[in-house]
Amino acid sequence: MSTALIPAVYFWQVVLAIHVLFVVLAFGVLVSYPFMLIAAERIDPRSLPTLLRLRRLLGRGLINPGLLVVVAAGVYLAIHLHAWQDFYVQWGIGAVVVIGALEGALVMRQSAMLAALAQRDIDASAGGEIDWSAEYLKLRGRAEQVNALLAIIVVVTIFVMVVQ
């Protein structure tokens, strides 16, 4: 067979690149978000409502749609590479189910509630030092646990995919 007939790039490689790109785009925010919140609270706590609203917006506009692209590309790759039985594929399926469920059921709702509570506490401070309410602190603690879990799932999933 002539080497001129061998494609330089195969379609499955393009799909793999799209898969990796959307993992970075959609799930990179899940890893960086806990650090952004810590930094925002230290640098300018009054920016927290905006950051929390942005987190909800990113969930709807980037993470969830990105999750669909990751799944679609992953399904194509598993079919093409005959890898359905491989552990890394099963792990990836479980990871996207958990990420999607946590995003949809908790994170976006928690972000909206936290933004409203943070804004209320900021408004009540009348420009002085912010005294975070017990309600805000309790919900923030739960949200931090969920965000940390999402970040861990993303990091472990990347590890599992790479070492397959």
Protein backbone atom coordinates (compact mmCIF):
# COMPACT_ATOMS: atom_id res chain seq x y z
CA MET A 1 0.00 0.00 0.00
CA SER A 2 1.29 3.39 -0.93
CA THR A 3 2.10 5.72 1.98
CA ALA A 4 0.28 8.45 0.05
CA LEU A 5 -2.99 6.66 0.81
CA ILE A 6 -2.43 6.52 4.58
CA PRO A 7 -4.08 9.49 6.26
CA ALA A 8 -1.89 11.71 8.42
CA VAL A 9 -4.66 11.97 11.00
CA TYR A 10 -7.43 9.50 11.63
CA PHE A 11 -10.96 10.57 12.50
CA TRP A 12 -10.81 8.81 15.88
CA GLN A 13 -7.76 10.95 16.74
CA VAL A 14 -9.76 14.09 16.01
CA VAL A 15 -12.53 12.79 18.26
CA LEU A 16 -9.95 12.05 20.98
CA ALA A 17 -8.63 15.62 20.71
CA ILE A 18 -12.20 16.97 21.04
CA HIS A 19 -12.75 14.68 24.03
CA VAL A 20 -9.59 15.96 25.78
CA LEU A 21 -10.33 19.59 24.86
CA PHE A 22 -13.79 19.46 26.40
CA VAL A 23 -12.47 17.71 29.51
CA VAL A 24 -10.12 20.65 29.96
CA LEU A 25 -12.76 23.29 29.17
CA ALA A 26 -15.67 21.85 31.12
CA PHE A 27 -13.93 20.17 34.00
CA GLY A 28 -10.96 22.48 34.48
CA VAL A 29 -13.36 24.89 36.15
CA LEU A 30 -14.35 22.15 38.61
CA VAL A 31 -10.73 21.78 39.70
CA SER A 32 -9.98 25.50 39.86
CA TYR A 33 -13.26 26.69 41.40
CA PRO A 34 -12.44 25.85 45.05
CA PHE A 35 -9.20 27.83 44.73
CA MET A 36 -11.00 30.77 43.09
CA LEU A 37 -13.45 30.96 45.99
CA ILE A 38 -10.67 30.95 48.58
CA ALA A 39 -8.81 33.67 46.68
CA ALA A 40 -11.93 35.80 46.19
CA GLU A 41 -12.80 35.59 49.86
CA ARG A 42 -9.30 36.75 50.83
CA ILE A 43 -8.90 39.43 48.16
CA ASP A 44 -12.42 40.88 48.00
CA PRO A 45 -15.20 39.08 49.91
CA ARG A 46 -17.73 41.46 48.35
CA SER A 47 -17.05 39.79 44.98
CA LEU A 48 -18.39 36.44 46.22
CA PRO A 49 -22.00 36.93 45.05
CA THR A 50 -20.77 37.65 41.53
CA LEU A 51 -18.40 34.68 41.57
CA LEU A 52 -21.18 32.41 42.86
CA ARG A 53 -23.55 33.61 40.13
CA LEU A 54 -20.78 33.04 37.59
CA ARG A 55 -20.31 29.49 38.90
CA ARG A 56 -23.99 28.78 38.26
CA LEU A 57 -23.76 30.31 34.78
CA LEU A 58 -20.67 28.20 33.99
CA GLY A 59 -22.54 25.10 35.11
CA ARG A 60 -25.36 25.79 32.70
CA GLY A 61 -23.36 27.19 29.81
CA LEU A 62 -20.07 25.29 29.91
CA ILE A 63 -19.95 22.32 32.29
CA ASN A 64 -23.23 20.61 31.38
CA PRO A 65 -22.91 21.12 27.59
CA GLY A 66 -19.24 20.12 27.83
CA LEU A 67 -20.27 16.99 29.69
CA LEU A 68 -22.44 16.01 26.72
CA VAL A 69 -19.55 16.47 24.29
CA VAL A 70 -17.23 14.46 26.56
CA VAL A 71 -19.78 11.63 26.75
CA ALA A 72 -20.51 11.62 23.00
CA ALA A 73 -16.81 11.60 22.10
CA GLY A 74 -16.09 8.99 24.78
CA VAL A 75 -18.85 6.70 23.48
CA TYR A 76 -17.51 7.00 19.94
CA LEU A 77 -13.98 6.20 21.13
CA ALA A 78 -15.12 3.23 23.23
CA ILE A 79 -16.97 1.83 20.22
CA HIS A 80 -14.16 2.50 17.76
CA LEU A 81 -11.42 1.16 20.04
CA HIS A 82 -13.54 -1.76 21.29
CA ALA A 83 -12.88 -0.65 24.86
CA TRP A 84 -16.30 -0.97 26.56
CA GLN A 85 -15.01 -3.69 28.88
CA ASP A 86 -11.94 -1.71 29.96
CA PHE A 87 -11.87 -0.33 33.50
CA TYR A 88 -11.02 3.22 32.41
CA VAL A 89 -14.15 3.36 30.24
CA GLN A 90 -16.35 2.09 33.07
CA TRP A 91 -14.74 4.57 35.46
CA GLY A 92 -15.29 7.40 32.99
CA ILE A 93 -18.96 6.53 32.62
CA GLY A 94 -19.38 6.51 36.39
CA ALA A 95 -17.50 9.80 36.72
CA VAL A 96 -19.66 11.65 34.19
CA VAL A 97 -22.84 10.32 35.80
CA VAL A 98 -21.71 11.53 39.24
CA ILE A 99 -20.46 14.88 37.92
CA GLY A 100 -23.67 15.48 35.98
CA ALA A 101 -25.85 14.50 38.94
CA LEU A 102 -23.95 16.67 41.42
CA GLU A 103 -23.88 19.63 39.04
CA GLY A 104 -27.58 19.41 38.28
CA ALA A 105 -28.90 18.46 41.68
CA LEU A 106 -26.63 20.42 44.00
CA VAL A 107 -24.00 22.77 42.67
CA MET A 108 -26.10 25.10 40.54
CA ARG A 109 -28.81 25.31 43.19
CA GLN A 110 -26.26 25.80 45.99
CA SER A 111 -24.47 28.50 43.99
CA ALA A 112 -27.70 30.47 43.52
CA MET A 113 -28.62 30.16 47.19
CA LEU A 114 -25.11 31.08 48.33
CA ALA A 115 -25.05 34.13 46.05
CA ALA A 116 -28.32 35.37 47.55
CA LEU A 117 -27.18 34.72 51.13
CA ALA A 118 -23.79 36.35 50.53
CA GLN A 119 -25.45 39.40 48.98
CA ARG A 120 -27.81 39.63 51.96
CA ASP A 121 -24.92 39.46 54.42
CA ILE A 122 -22.91 42.03 52.44
CA ASP A 123 -25.88 44.40 52.26
CA ALA A 124 -26.41 44.01 56.01
CA SER A 125 -22.79 44.97 56.67
CA ALA A 126 -23.48 48.52 55.44
CA GLY A 127 -19.97 48.85 54.02
CA GLY A 128 -18.27 47.61 57.20
CA GLU A 129 -16.78 44.24 57.97
CA ILE A 130 -18.93 41.40 56.71
CA ASP A 131 -20.41 39.13 59.35
CA TRP A 132 -21.33 35.95 57.47
CA SER A 133 -24.57 34.44 58.73
CA ALA A 134 -24.70 30.93 60.17
CA GLU A 135 -26.99 29.96 57.28
CA TYR A 136 -24.42 31.13 54.72
CA LEU A 137 -21.51 29.44 56.52
CA LYS A 138 -23.38 26.14 56.82
CA LEU A 139 -24.36 26.07 53.14
CA ARG A 140 -20.88 27.21 52.10
CA GLY A 141 -19.38 24.29 54.04
CA ARG A 142 -21.59 21.81 52.23
CA ALA A 143 -20.87 23.46 48.88
CA GLU A 144 -17.12 23.31 49.55
CA GLN A 145 -17.39 19.57 50.21
CA VAL A 146 -19.26 19.01 46.94
CA ASN A 147 -16.80 21.19 45.00
CA ALA A 148 -13.85 19.33 46.52
CA LEU A 149 -15.46 15.99 45.61
CA LEU A 150 -15.98 17.14 42.02
CA ALA A 151 -12.35 18.26 41.77
CA ILE A 152 -11.14 14.93 43.16
CA ILE A 153 -13.32 12.99 40.71
CA VAL A 154 -11.90 14.98 37.78
CA VAL A 155 -8.27 14.52 38.89
CA VAL A 156 -8.69 10.79 39.60
CA THR A 157 -10.52 10.28 36.29
CA ILE A 158 -7.72 11.97 34.36
CA PHE A 159 -5.23 9.74 36.16
CA VAL A 160 -7.26 6.59 35.39
CA MET A 161 -7.59 7.60 31.72
CA VAL A 162 -3.88 8.28 31.34
CA VAL A 163 -2.59 5.12 33.04
CA GLN A 164 -5.25 2.86 31.52
